[in-house]
Amino acid sequence: MAEDEAKKSAEEAAKKATSAEAHDDQTASSSSKDDAAVNEQDTALQSAQQQVETLQQQLEAMSDKYLRAEAEIKNIQTRHKKDQAALVKYDGQQLAHDVLPVLDNLERALQTEVTDDQALSLKKGVELVQKHLMEALTSNGVTEIKAEGQPFDPQIHQAVQSVPAESDDQKDHVTAVLQKGYQLKDRVLRPAMVVVAQ
């Protein structure tokens, strides 16, 4: 019996050893499967991270393009409003510019000396027309550029002749106006043609 028990013990020990070997094989096989799964997950994670980085870069680029486009639209709108305001402000500029020679001719007609009553009456009529025309221009923002006795300003004066200055105070000042200048609000329609003291 002792022999039987020893045999049984030996068989059980052999079974346990075989079972342990099989279990080790299964664990090793399971461990290698786990390693492969972990490697696949790492690869998938790296790929996903690269996709996220790429998408973030694309999002930043699109966001930058959007902000630039929005700023450009605002600039265009601002420019358009400014242009519209200038159109309204300087509406009638061409008409006023075209009327200036008529005004010049009326002023020349008024400078003519007359002696008889009929010519005097005609001159008063021309004077009235000139006055009404100037009032109409003034009511629409057209004003005469003051020149005589003023310091010469090339923005509003056009020097066509120079004369020696009689004093230092008169130097670089307008001494005579050959043709009146006009401006529409703050824009010069026609510079005054002047004589400047040097």
N, C-alpha and C. Protein backbone atom coordinates (compact mmCIF):
# COMPACT_ATOMS: atom_id res chain seq x y z
N MET A 1 0.77 -1.16 0.00
CA MET A 1 0.00 0.00 0.00
C MET A 1 0.83 1.25 0.00
N ALA A 2 1.85 1.13 0.69
CA ALA A 2 2.74 2.26 0.68
C ALA A 2 3.26 2.48 -0.71
N GLU A 3 3.42 1.40 -1.43
CA GLU A 3 3.87 1.55 -2.80
C GLU A 3 2.81 2.20 -3.64
N ASP A 4 1.57 1.82 -3.41
CA ASP A 4 0.47 2.41 -4.18
C ASP A 4 0.37 3.91 -3.90
N GLU A 5 0.51 4.21 -2.64
CA GLU A 5 0.43 5.63 -2.29
C GLU A 5 1.59 6.40 -2.89
N ALA A 6 2.74 5.78 -2.91
CA ALA A 6 3.89 6.44 -3.49
C ALA A 6 3.68 6.62 -4.98
N LYS A 7 3.08 5.61 -5.63
CA LYS A 7 2.81 5.72 -7.06
C LYS A 7 1.83 6.83 -7.32
N LYS A 8 0.80 6.86 -6.48
CA LYS A 8 -0.23 7.89 -6.65
C LYS A 8 0.39 9.26 -6.46
N SER A 9 1.22 9.36 -5.44
CA SER A 9 1.85 10.65 -5.19
C SER A 9 2.73 11.04 -6.36
N ALA A 10 3.43 10.09 -6.92
CA ALA A 10 4.31 10.37 -8.05
C ALA A 10 3.47 10.76 -9.26
N GLU A 11 2.34 10.06 -9.47
CA GLU A 11 1.48 10.38 -10.60
C GLU A 11 0.89 11.78 -10.44
N GLU A 12 0.48 12.05 -9.23
CA GLU A 12 -0.10 13.37 -8.98
C GLU A 12 0.95 14.46 -9.19
N ALA A 13 2.17 14.20 -8.73
CA ALA A 13 3.23 15.18 -8.92
C ALA A 13 3.52 15.36 -10.40
N ALA A 14 3.48 14.25 -11.16
CA ALA A 14 3.72 14.32 -12.60
C ALA A 14 2.61 15.11 -13.28
N LYS A 15 1.37 14.85 -12.83
CA LYS A 15 0.23 15.58 -13.41
C LYS A 15 0.35 17.07 -13.12
N LYS A 16 0.74 17.36 -11.88
CA LYS A 16 0.88 18.77 -11.51
C LYS A 16 1.97 19.43 -12.32
N ALA A 17 3.06 18.70 -12.53
CA ALA A 17 4.16 19.26 -13.31
C ALA A 17 3.71 19.47 -14.75
N THR A 18 2.99 18.50 -15.31
CA THR A 18 2.49 18.62 -16.68
C THR A 18 1.50 19.77 -16.76
N SER A 19 0.64 19.84 -15.76
CA SER A 19 -0.36 20.91 -15.73
C SER A 19 0.32 22.28 -15.61
N ALA A 20 1.37 22.37 -14.80
CA ALA A 20 2.10 23.62 -14.63
C ALA A 20 2.79 24.01 -15.93
N GLU A 21 3.36 23.00 -16.64
CA GLU A 21 4.00 23.29 -17.92
C GLU A 21 2.98 23.79 -18.94
N ALA A 22 1.81 23.13 -18.94
CA ALA A 22 0.76 23.53 -19.88
C ALA A 22 0.30 24.94 -19.54
N HIS A 23 0.18 25.17 -18.23
CA HIS A 23 -0.25 26.51 -17.80
C HIS A 23 0.79 27.55 -18.19
N ASP A 24 2.08 27.24 -18.02
CA ASP A 24 3.14 28.16 -18.42
C ASP A 24 3.09 28.43 -19.92
N ASP A 25 2.84 27.34 -20.69
CA ASP A 25 2.73 27.51 -22.15
C ASP A 25 1.55 28.42 -22.50
N GLN A 26 0.43 28.19 -21.81
CA GLN A 26 -0.75 29.03 -22.06
C GLN A 26 -0.47 30.47 -21.66
N THR A 27 0.20 30.65 -20.52
CA THR A 27 0.52 32.00 -20.05
C THR A 27 1.45 32.69 -21.03
N ALA A 28 2.46 31.95 -21.51
CA ALA A 28 3.40 32.52 -22.47
C ALA A 28 2.67 32.88 -23.76
N SER A 29 1.79 31.97 -24.20
CA SER A 29 1.03 32.22 -25.42
C SER A 29 0.10 33.40 -25.22
N SER A 30 -0.54 33.44 -24.06
CA SER A 30 -1.45 34.54 -23.73
C SER A 30 -0.66 35.84 -23.61
N SER A 31 0.53 35.78 -23.03
CA SER A 31 1.37 36.96 -22.87
C SER A 31 1.80 37.51 -24.24
N SER A 32 2.15 36.62 -25.16
CA SER A 32 2.56 37.09 -26.48
C SER A 32 1.36 37.67 -27.23
N LYS A 33 0.15 37.11 -27.00
CA LYS A 33 -1.06 37.68 -27.60
C LYS A 33 -1.32 39.06 -27.02
N ASP A 34 -1.14 39.20 -25.71
CA ASP A 34 -1.34 40.50 -25.06
C ASP A 34 -0.33 41.53 -25.59
N ASP A 35 0.93 41.10 -25.77
CA ASP A 35 1.95 42.01 -26.30
C ASP A 35 1.58 42.48 -27.71
N ALA A 36 1.09 41.55 -28.52
CA ALA A 36 0.69 41.91 -29.89
C ALA A 36 -0.48 42.89 -29.85
N ALA A 37 -1.43 42.65 -28.95
CA ALA A 37 -2.59 43.54 -28.84
C ALA A 37 -2.15 44.93 -28.37
N VAL A 38 -1.22 44.96 -27.41
CA VAL A 38 -0.72 46.23 -26.90
C VAL A 38 0.01 46.98 -28.02
N ASN A 39 0.81 46.25 -28.80
CA ASN A 39 1.52 46.88 -29.92
C ASN A 39 0.54 47.47 -30.94
N GLU A 40 -0.53 46.70 -31.23
CA GLU A 40 -1.55 47.20 -32.17
C GLU A 40 -2.21 48.46 -31.61
N GLN A 41 -2.50 48.43 -30.31
CA GLN A 41 -3.14 49.60 -29.69
C GLN A 41 -2.19 50.81 -29.71
N ASP A 42 -0.91 50.58 -29.44
CA ASP A 42 0.07 51.67 -29.49
C ASP A 42 0.14 52.28 -30.90
N THR A 43 0.18 51.40 -31.89
CA THR A 43 0.24 51.87 -33.28
C THR A 43 -1.02 52.67 -33.63
N ALA A 44 -2.18 52.14 -33.23
CA ALA A 44 -3.44 52.83 -33.50
C ALA A 44 -3.47 54.18 -32.77
N LEU A 45 -2.97 54.21 -31.53
CA LEU A 45 -2.94 55.44 -30.75
C LEU A 45 -2.02 56.48 -31.41
N GLN A 46 -0.85 56.05 -31.86
CA GLN A 46 0.07 56.97 -32.54
C GLN A 46 -0.55 57.51 -33.83
N SER A 47 -1.20 56.62 -34.56
CA SER A 47 -1.86 57.05 -35.80
C SER A 47 -2.97 58.06 -35.49
N ALA A 48 -3.74 57.80 -34.45
CA ALA A 48 -4.82 58.73 -34.06
C ALA A 48 -4.24 60.07 -33.61
N GLN A 49 -3.13 60.02 -32.87
CA GLN A 49 -2.50 61.27 -32.42
C GLN A 49 -1.99 62.08 -33.61
N GLN A 50 -1.41 61.40 -34.60
CA GLN A 50 -0.95 62.09 -35.80
C GLN A 50 -2.13 62.73 -36.55
N GLN A 51 -3.24 61.99 -36.62
CA GLN A 51 -4.43 62.54 -37.28
C GLN A 51 -4.94 63.76 -36.53
N VAL A 52 -4.94 63.68 -35.19
CA VAL A 52 -5.39 64.81 -34.38
C VAL A 52 -4.49 66.02 -34.63
N GLU A 53 -3.17 65.82 -34.64
CA GLU A 53 -2.24 66.92 -34.89
C GLU A 53 -2.47 67.53 -36.28
N THR A 54 -2.64 66.66 -37.27
CA THR A 54 -2.90 67.14 -38.64
C THR A 54 -4.19 67.94 -38.69
N LEU A 55 -5.23 67.42 -38.05
CA LEU A 55 -6.52 68.13 -38.04
C LEU A 55 -6.42 69.45 -37.29
N GLN A 56 -5.65 69.47 -36.20
CA GLN A 56 -5.47 70.73 -35.47
C GLN A 56 -4.74 71.76 -36.33
N GLN A 57 -3.73 71.33 -37.06
CA GLN A 57 -3.01 72.24 -37.95
C GLN A 57 -3.94 72.77 -39.04
N GLN A 58 -4.76 71.87 -39.60
CA GLN A 58 -5.71 72.30 -40.62
C GLN A 58 -6.73 73.28 -40.04
N LEU A 59 -7.18 73.00 -38.81
CA LEU A 59 -8.14 73.90 -38.16
C LEU A 59 -7.52 75.27 -37.93
N GLU A 60 -6.27 75.31 -37.47
CA GLU A 60 -5.59 76.59 -37.25
C GLU A 60 -5.43 77.35 -38.57
N ALA A 61 -5.07 76.63 -39.63
CA ALA A 61 -4.91 77.28 -40.94
C ALA A 61 -6.25 77.84 -41.43
N MET A 62 -7.31 77.05 -41.30
CA MET A 62 -8.64 77.51 -41.73
C MET A 62 -9.11 78.68 -40.86
N SER A 63 -8.83 78.60 -39.57
CA SER A 63 -9.22 79.69 -38.67
C SER A 63 -8.48 80.98 -39.05
N ASP A 64 -7.20 80.86 -39.37
CA ASP A 64 -6.41 82.02 -39.80
C ASP A 64 -6.97 82.60 -41.10
N LYS A 65 -7.29 81.72 -42.06
CA LYS A 65 -7.88 82.18 -43.32
C LYS A 65 -9.21 82.89 -43.06
N TYR A 66 -10.00 82.32 -42.17
CA TYR A 66 -11.30 82.92 -41.85
C TYR A 66 -11.12 84.31 -41.25
N LEU A 67 -10.20 84.44 -40.29
CA LEU A 67 -9.96 85.74 -39.67
C LEU A 67 -9.45 86.76 -40.68
N ARG A 68 -8.57 86.33 -41.57
CA ARG A 68 -8.06 87.24 -42.60
C ARG A 68 -9.19 87.67 -43.56
N ALA A 69 -10.02 86.71 -43.94
CA ALA A 69 -11.14 87.03 -44.85
C ALA A 69 -12.12 87.98 -44.16
N GLU A 70 -12.38 87.74 -42.89
CA GLU A 70 -13.28 88.61 -42.14
C GLU A 70 -12.71 90.03 -42.04
N ALA A 71 -11.41 90.14 -41.78
CA ALA A 71 -10.77 91.46 -41.71
C ALA A 71 -10.82 92.15 -43.07
N GLU A 72 -10.61 91.39 -44.14
CA GLU A 72 -10.67 91.97 -45.49
C GLU A 72 -12.07 92.48 -45.80
N ILE A 73 -13.08 91.72 -45.39
CA ILE A 73 -14.47 92.15 -45.61
C ILE A 73 -14.75 93.43 -44.85
N LYS A 74 -14.29 93.51 -43.61
CA LYS A 74 -14.49 94.74 -42.83
C LYS A 74 -13.78 95.92 -43.49
N ASN A 75 -12.57 95.69 -44.00
CA ASN A 75 -11.84 96.77 -44.68
C ASN A 75 -12.58 97.23 -45.93
N ILE A 76 -13.12 96.28 -46.68
CA ILE A 76 -13.88 96.63 -47.89
C ILE A 76 -15.12 97.43 -47.51
N GLN A 77 -15.82 96.99 -46.46
CA GLN A 77 -17.02 97.71 -46.03
C GLN A 77 -16.67 99.12 -45.57
N THR A 78 -15.58 99.27 -44.82
CA THR A 78 -15.16 100.59 -44.35
C THR A 78 -14.81 101.49 -45.53
N ARG A 79 -14.05 100.93 -46.48
CA ARG A 79 -13.68 101.69 -47.67
C ARG A 79 -14.91 102.11 -48.47
N HIS A 80 -15.88 101.18 -48.58
CA HIS A 80 -17.11 101.48 -49.32
C HIS A 80 -17.89 102.61 -48.64
N LYS A 81 -18.00 102.54 -47.32
CA LYS A 81 -18.70 103.61 -46.59
C LYS A 81 -18.00 104.95 -46.78
N LYS A 82 -16.67 104.92 -46.73
CA LYS A 82 -15.89 106.15 -46.92
C LYS A 82 -16.10 106.72 -48.32
N ASP A 83 -16.08 105.82 -49.32
CA ASP A 83 -16.31 106.26 -50.70
C ASP A 83 -17.71 106.83 -50.87
N GLN A 84 -18.70 106.16 -50.26
CA GLN A 84 -20.08 106.64 -50.35
C GLN A 84 -20.21 108.01 -49.70
N ALA A 85 -19.58 108.18 -48.54
CA ALA A 85 -19.63 109.47 -47.84
C ALA A 85 -18.98 110.56 -48.69
N ALA A 86 -17.87 110.22 -49.35
CA ALA A 86 -17.20 111.20 -50.22
C ALA A 86 -18.08 111.55 -51.41
N LEU A 87 -18.77 110.54 -51.96
CA LEU A 87 -19.67 110.81 -53.09
C LEU A 87 -20.78 111.76 -52.69
N VAL A 88 -21.34 111.52 -51.51
CA VAL A 88 -22.42 112.39 -51.03
C VAL A 88 -21.86 113.77 -50.72
N LYS A 89 -20.71 113.81 -50.05
CA LYS A 89 -20.12 115.08 -49.64
C LYS A 89 -19.76 115.94 -50.85
N TYR A 90 -19.20 115.32 -51.88
CA TYR A 90 -18.74 116.08 -53.04
C TYR A 90 -19.68 115.94 -54.24
N ASP A 91 -20.94 115.61 -53.95
CA ASP A 91 -21.93 115.51 -55.01
C ASP A 91 -22.05 116.86 -55.71
N GLY A 92 -22.06 116.85 -57.00
CA GLY A 92 -22.18 118.10 -57.76
C GLY A 92 -20.85 118.76 -58.04
N GLN A 93 -19.76 118.09 -57.74
CA GLN A 93 -18.44 118.69 -57.95
C GLN A 93 -18.21 119.04 -59.42
N GLN A 94 -18.56 118.13 -60.31
CA GLN A 94 -18.33 118.38 -61.73
C GLN A 94 -19.18 119.55 -62.23
N LEU A 95 -20.44 119.60 -61.78
CA LEU A 95 -21.31 120.71 -62.18
C LEU A 95 -20.73 122.04 -61.70
N ALA A 96 -20.31 122.07 -60.43
CA ALA A 96 -19.73 123.31 -59.89
C ALA A 96 -18.48 123.70 -60.67
N HIS A 97 -17.67 122.72 -61.01
CA HIS A 97 -16.45 122.99 -61.77
C HIS A 97 -16.79 123.57 -63.15
N ASP A 98 -17.84 123.03 -63.77
CA ASP A 98 -18.23 123.50 -65.10
C ASP A 98 -18.87 124.89 -65.06
N VAL A 99 -19.44 125.28 -63.93
CA VAL A 99 -20.11 126.58 -63.81
C VAL A 99 -19.10 127.70 -63.55
N LEU A 100 -17.92 127.37 -63.04
CA LEU A 100 -16.94 128.40 -62.70
C LEU A 100 -16.57 129.32 -63.87
N PRO A 101 -16.37 128.81 -65.09
CA PRO A 101 -16.07 129.74 -66.20
C PRO A 101 -17.23 130.72 -66.47
N VAL A 102 -18.46 130.28 -66.26
CA VAL A 102 -19.61 131.17 -66.43
C VAL A 102 -19.53 132.29 -65.41
N LEU A 103 -19.20 131.93 -64.18
CA LEU A 103 -19.06 132.93 -63.11
C LEU A 103 -17.94 133.91 -63.46
N ASP A 104 -16.83 133.39 -63.99
CA ASP A 104 -15.71 134.26 -64.41
C ASP A 104 -16.17 135.25 -65.48
N ASN A 105 -16.92 134.76 -66.45
CA ASN A 105 -17.39 135.64 -67.54
C ASN A 105 -18.35 136.71 -67.02
N LEU A 106 -19.20 136.35 -66.07
CA LEU A 106 -20.10 137.34 -65.48
C LEU A 106 -19.30 138.42 -64.75
N GLU A 107 -18.26 138.00 -64.02
CA GLU A 107 -17.43 138.98 -63.30
C GLU A 107 -16.67 139.89 -64.28
N ARG A 108 -16.21 139.33 -65.40
CA ARG A 108 -15.54 140.16 -66.41
C ARG A 108 -16.52 141.17 -67.01
N ALA A 109 -17.75 140.72 -67.23
CA ALA A 109 -18.77 141.63 -67.78
C ALA A 109 -19.05 142.76 -66.81
N LEU A 110 -19.01 142.46 -65.52
CA LEU A 110 -19.26 143.50 -64.51
C LEU A 110 -18.11 144.50 -64.42
N GLN A 111 -16.93 144.12 -64.85
CA GLN A 111 -15.78 145.03 -64.80
C GLN A 111 -15.79 146.03 -65.96
N THR A 112 -16.66 145.82 -66.91
CA THR A 112 -16.75 146.73 -68.05
C THR A 112 -17.38 148.05 -67.61
N GLU A 113 -16.76 149.14 -68.02
CA GLU A 113 -17.29 150.48 -67.71
C GLU A 113 -18.42 150.82 -68.68
N VAL A 114 -19.53 151.28 -68.13
CA VAL A 114 -20.67 151.67 -68.97
C VAL A 114 -21.04 153.12 -68.64
N THR A 115 -21.61 153.81 -69.65
CA THR A 115 -21.97 155.22 -69.44
C THR A 115 -23.45 155.48 -69.65
N ASP A 116 -24.09 154.80 -70.58
CA ASP A 116 -25.50 155.11 -70.81
C ASP A 116 -26.42 154.31 -69.89
N ASP A 117 -27.65 154.74 -69.80
CA ASP A 117 -28.63 154.15 -68.88
C ASP A 117 -28.98 152.72 -69.26
N GLN A 118 -29.09 152.46 -70.54
CA GLN A 118 -29.46 151.12 -71.00
C GLN A 118 -28.35 150.12 -70.64
N ALA A 119 -27.12 150.46 -70.85
CA ALA A 119 -25.99 149.60 -70.50
C ALA A 119 -25.89 149.43 -68.99
N LEU A 120 -26.18 150.49 -68.26
CA LEU A 120 -26.16 150.42 -66.80
C LEU A 120 -27.23 149.46 -66.29
N SER A 121 -28.39 149.53 -66.91
CA SER A 121 -29.48 148.63 -66.54
C SER A 121 -29.10 147.17 -66.85
N LEU A 122 -28.49 146.96 -67.99
CA LEU A 122 -28.03 145.62 -68.37
C LEU A 122 -26.96 145.13 -67.38
N LYS A 123 -26.07 146.01 -66.99
CA LYS A 123 -25.01 145.65 -66.04
C LYS A 123 -25.61 145.25 -64.70
N LYS A 124 -26.66 145.96 -64.26
CA LYS A 124 -27.32 145.60 -62.99
C LYS A 124 -27.96 144.22 -63.09
N GLY A 125 -28.52 143.90 -64.25
CA GLY A 125 -29.10 142.57 -64.47
C GLY A 125 -28.04 141.49 -64.39
N VAL A 126 -26.90 141.73 -65.02
CA VAL A 126 -25.78 140.77 -64.98
C VAL A 126 -25.28 140.62 -63.55
N GLU A 127 -25.23 141.72 -62.82
CA GLU A 127 -24.79 141.69 -61.42
C GLU A 127 -25.74 140.84 -60.58
N LEU A 128 -27.03 140.97 -60.84
CA LEU A 128 -28.03 140.18 -60.12
C LEU A 128 -27.87 138.69 -60.43
N VAL A 129 -27.67 138.37 -61.70
CA VAL A 129 -27.46 136.97 -62.10
C VAL A 129 -26.21 136.42 -61.42
N GLN A 130 -25.14 137.20 -61.44
CA GLN A 130 -23.88 136.76 -60.81
C GLN A 130 -24.07 136.53 -59.32
N LYS A 131 -24.81 137.41 -58.68
CA LYS A 131 -25.06 137.30 -57.24
C LYS A 131 -25.86 136.04 -56.92
N HIS A 132 -26.92 135.78 -57.69
CA HIS A 132 -27.74 134.59 -57.46
C HIS A 132 -26.96 133.30 -57.74
N LEU A 133 -26.15 133.33 -58.78
CA LEU A 133 -25.34 132.16 -59.09
C LEU A 133 -24.36 131.88 -57.95
N MET A 134 -23.73 132.91 -57.43
CA MET A 134 -22.78 132.73 -56.32
C MET A 134 -23.50 132.25 -55.07
N GLU A 135 -24.70 132.75 -54.81
CA GLU A 135 -25.48 132.29 -53.66
C GLU A 135 -25.83 130.81 -53.80
N ALA A 136 -26.21 130.41 -55.02
CA ALA A 136 -26.54 129.00 -55.26
C ALA A 136 -25.31 128.11 -55.03
N LEU A 137 -24.17 128.56 -55.53
CA LEU A 137 -22.94 127.78 -55.33
C LEU A 137 -22.57 127.71 -53.84
N THR A 138 -22.68 128.84 -53.15
CA THR A 138 -22.35 128.89 -51.72
C THR A 138 -23.27 127.97 -50.92
N SER A 139 -24.55 127.96 -51.26
CA SER A 139 -25.49 127.11 -50.52
C SER A 139 -25.21 125.62 -50.74
N ASN A 140 -24.46 125.31 -51.78
CA ASN A 140 -24.08 123.92 -52.04
C ASN A 140 -22.64 123.62 -51.66
N GLY A 141 -22.03 124.50 -50.88
CA GLY A 141 -20.70 124.23 -50.33
C GLY A 141 -19.54 124.77 -51.13
N VAL A 142 -19.80 125.51 -52.20
CA VAL A 142 -18.72 126.09 -53.00
C VAL A 142 -18.38 127.46 -52.43
N THR A 143 -17.10 127.66 -52.12
CA THR A 143 -16.66 128.95 -51.57
C THR A 143 -15.44 129.44 -52.33
N GLU A 144 -15.28 130.76 -52.32
CA GLU A 144 -14.13 131.38 -52.97
C GLU A 144 -12.91 131.20 -52.07
N ILE A 145 -11.77 130.90 -52.67
CA ILE A 145 -10.52 130.79 -51.92
C ILE A 145 -9.98 132.20 -51.71
N LYS A 146 -9.81 132.57 -50.46
CA LYS A 146 -9.23 133.89 -50.14
C LYS A 146 -7.75 133.84 -50.49
N ALA A 147 -7.31 134.79 -51.29
CA ALA A 147 -5.92 134.74 -51.75
C ALA A 147 -5.15 136.03 -51.52
N GLU A 148 -5.69 137.15 -51.89
CA GLU A 148 -4.93 138.40 -51.84
C GLU A 148 -4.53 138.74 -50.41
N GLY A 149 -3.20 138.97 -50.23
CA GLY A 149 -2.67 139.30 -48.92
C GLY A 149 -2.38 138.07 -48.05
N GLN A 150 -2.76 136.90 -48.52
CA GLN A 150 -2.54 135.65 -47.76
C GLN A 150 -1.16 135.07 -48.07
N PRO A 151 -0.61 134.30 -47.13
CA PRO A 151 0.65 133.59 -47.44
C PRO A 151 0.40 132.62 -48.60
N PHE A 152 1.38 132.50 -49.48
CA PHE A 152 1.24 131.61 -50.63
C PHE A 152 1.16 130.17 -50.16
N ASP A 153 0.13 129.45 -50.62
CA ASP A 153 -0.06 128.04 -50.28
C ASP A 153 -0.24 127.27 -51.60
N PRO A 154 0.72 126.43 -51.97
CA PRO A 154 0.63 125.74 -53.26
C PRO A 154 -0.55 124.76 -53.35
N GLN A 155 -1.16 124.45 -52.21
CA GLN A 155 -2.33 123.57 -52.23
C GLN A 155 -3.56 124.27 -52.81
N ILE A 156 -3.64 125.58 -52.60
CA ILE A 156 -4.83 126.32 -53.03
C ILE A 156 -4.52 127.48 -53.98
N HIS A 157 -3.24 127.79 -54.15
CA HIS A 157 -2.84 128.90 -55.03
C HIS A 157 -1.94 128.36 -56.15
N GLN A 158 -2.08 128.95 -57.33
CA GLN A 158 -1.19 128.62 -58.44
C GLN A 158 -0.46 129.90 -58.83
N ALA A 159 0.84 129.93 -58.56
CA ALA A 159 1.64 131.13 -58.86
C ALA A 159 1.91 131.17 -60.36
N VAL A 160 1.46 132.24 -60.99
CA VAL A 160 1.71 132.40 -62.43
C VAL A 160 2.68 133.54 -62.71
N GLN A 161 2.96 134.30 -61.67
CA GLN A 161 3.88 135.44 -61.83
C GLN A 161 4.45 135.78 -60.46
N SER A 162 5.67 136.32 -60.46
CA SER A 162 6.25 136.77 -59.19
C SER A 162 6.74 138.20 -59.37
N VAL A 163 6.67 138.95 -58.29
CA VAL A 163 7.14 140.34 -58.29
C VAL A 163 8.04 140.54 -57.09
N PRO A 164 8.94 141.53 -57.13
CA PRO A 164 9.78 141.78 -55.96
C PRO A 164 8.92 142.25 -54.77
N ALA A 165 9.27 141.76 -53.59
CA ALA A 165 8.53 142.14 -52.38
C ALA A 165 8.92 143.55 -51.96
N GLU A 166 7.94 144.34 -51.57
CA GLU A 166 8.19 145.70 -51.12
C GLU A 166 8.70 145.73 -49.68
N SER A 167 8.37 144.69 -48.91
CA SER A 167 8.85 144.58 -47.52
C SER A 167 9.00 143.11 -47.18
N ASP A 168 9.68 142.85 -46.04
CA ASP A 168 9.86 141.46 -45.62
C ASP A 168 8.53 140.81 -45.24
N ASP A 169 7.59 141.59 -44.74
CA ASP A 169 6.28 141.05 -44.37
C ASP A 169 5.51 140.56 -45.60
N GLN A 170 5.79 141.16 -46.72
CA GLN A 170 5.07 140.83 -47.95
C GLN A 170 5.68 139.62 -48.67
N LYS A 171 6.89 139.21 -48.26
CA LYS A 171 7.59 138.12 -48.92
C LYS A 171 6.77 136.83 -48.83
N ASP A 172 6.69 136.10 -49.94
CA ASP A 172 5.93 134.85 -50.07
C ASP A 172 4.45 135.03 -49.77
N HIS A 173 3.93 136.20 -50.04
CA HIS A 173 2.50 136.47 -49.90
C HIS A 173 1.92 136.78 -51.28
N VAL A 174 0.64 136.55 -51.42
CA VAL A 174 -0.06 136.83 -52.67
C VAL A 174 -0.31 138.33 -52.75
N THR A 175 0.13 138.94 -53.84
CA THR A 175 -0.07 140.39 -54.01
C THR A 175 -1.24 140.72 -54.93
N ALA A 176 -1.58 139.80 -55.83
CA ALA A 176 -2.71 140.04 -56.74
C ALA A 176 -3.31 138.71 -57.17
N VAL A 177 -4.61 138.74 -57.46
CA VAL A 177 -5.31 137.54 -57.93
C VAL A 177 -5.67 137.76 -59.39
N LEU A 178 -5.18 136.88 -60.25
CA LEU A 178 -5.48 136.98 -61.68
C LEU A 178 -6.77 136.24 -62.03
N GLN A 179 -7.02 135.13 -61.33
CA GLN A 179 -8.27 134.39 -61.51
C GLN A 179 -8.63 133.79 -60.16
N LYS A 180 -9.88 133.98 -59.74
CA LYS A 180 -10.31 133.49 -58.44
C LYS A 180 -10.29 131.96 -58.40
N GLY A 181 -10.00 131.45 -57.22
CA GLY A 181 -10.03 130.01 -57.00
C GLY A 181 -11.24 129.66 -56.15
N TYR A 182 -11.70 128.41 -56.28
CA TYR A 182 -12.88 127.97 -55.54
C TYR A 182 -12.63 126.58 -54.98
N GLN A 183 -13.33 126.30 -53.88
CA GLN A 183 -13.26 124.96 -53.31
C GLN A 183 -14.67 124.50 -52.95
N LEU A 184 -14.87 123.19 -53.04
CA LEU A 184 -16.13 122.56 -52.64
C LEU A 184 -15.86 121.91 -51.30
N LYS A 185 -16.45 122.48 -50.25
CA LYS A 185 -16.19 122.07 -48.87
C LYS A 185 -14.68 122.16 -48.63
N ASP A 186 -13.97 121.04 -48.51
CA ASP A 186 -12.52 121.12 -48.27
C ASP A 186 -11.69 120.68 -49.48
N ARG A 187 -12.35 120.47 -50.61
CA ARG A 187 -11.65 120.02 -51.83
C ARG A 187 -11.54 121.19 -52.81
N VAL A 188 -10.34 121.39 -53.32
CA VAL A 188 -10.11 122.49 -54.27
C VAL A 188 -10.69 122.13 -55.63
N LEU A 189 -11.61 122.99 -56.10
CA LEU A 189 -12.15 122.82 -57.45
C LEU A 189 -11.20 123.41 -58.48
N ARG A 190 -10.69 124.59 -58.14
CA ARG A 190 -9.76 125.29 -59.03
C ARG A 190 -8.89 126.19 -58.15
N PRO A 191 -7.56 126.04 -58.25
CA PRO A 191 -6.70 126.92 -57.44
C PRO A 191 -6.77 128.36 -57.96
N ALA A 192 -6.53 129.29 -57.07
CA ALA A 192 -6.51 130.70 -57.47
C ALA A 192 -5.20 130.97 -58.21
N MET A 193 -5.30 131.63 -59.37
CA MET A 193 -4.09 132.01 -60.11
C MET A 193 -3.63 133.35 -59.56
N VAL A 194 -2.40 133.37 -59.03
CA VAL A 194 -1.97 134.54 -58.25
C VAL A 194 -0.59 135.04 -58.65
N VAL A 195 -0.33 136.27 -58.20
CA VAL A 195 1.00 136.88 -58.31
C VAL A 195 1.59 136.83 -56.91
N VAL A 196 2.83 136.35 -56.80
CA VAL A 196 3.46 136.17 -55.48
C VAL A 196 4.66 137.09 -55.36
N ALA A 197 4.79 137.71 -54.19
CA ALA A 197 5.95 138.58 -53.91
C ALA A 197 7.11 137.70 -53.47
N GLN A 198 8.30 137.98 -54.05
CA GLN A 198 9.50 137.19 -53.71
C GLN A 198 10.51 138.04 -52.98
